[in-house]
Amino acid sequence: MIASLCLDCGSLVFTLNNPDPNITIRAFCKIRIYIMQSTFMMSRWMITIACLDRYALSSRNARVRRFVQVKVAQRAVTVVVGVWLIPPIHTLVFYEIRDAVSVCTIAYNHSAALYHSIYTY
């Protein structure tokens, strides 16, 4: 979340005296969207994992409390980061700069439509 906030604020400050990198640099357009999607999903899942950890800590069941360990938390964080680096890869493939409207958006073609129909199902 902080990474995407810094990326957005940094590009906004950069555009005060320079052309907007979102509509001039193709790689920046793609990486910016990828970082935003992956970090937003990671932050949501980290909050969920933290809630589950607090639930386990306050449980009356000793078997559930056994999951409250640093190793378990580290593994959970590693899994969440690893998992949420994969699904937004489509942004690196399908996002392009549309010259007609000067915006970074998804390029519409058959493969993008098929992937989106599967990804959003």
Foldseek 3Di string as FASTA:
>chain_A
DVVLVCLVVVQVVVVVPDPRCCLVPWQSVLVSVLVVQLVVQLVVVLVVVVVQLVCLCPDPDPVSVVCNDPVNNVVSSVVSSVVSNPLSVVSNVFWGQDPVVRHTDGHDDDVNVVSVVVSVD
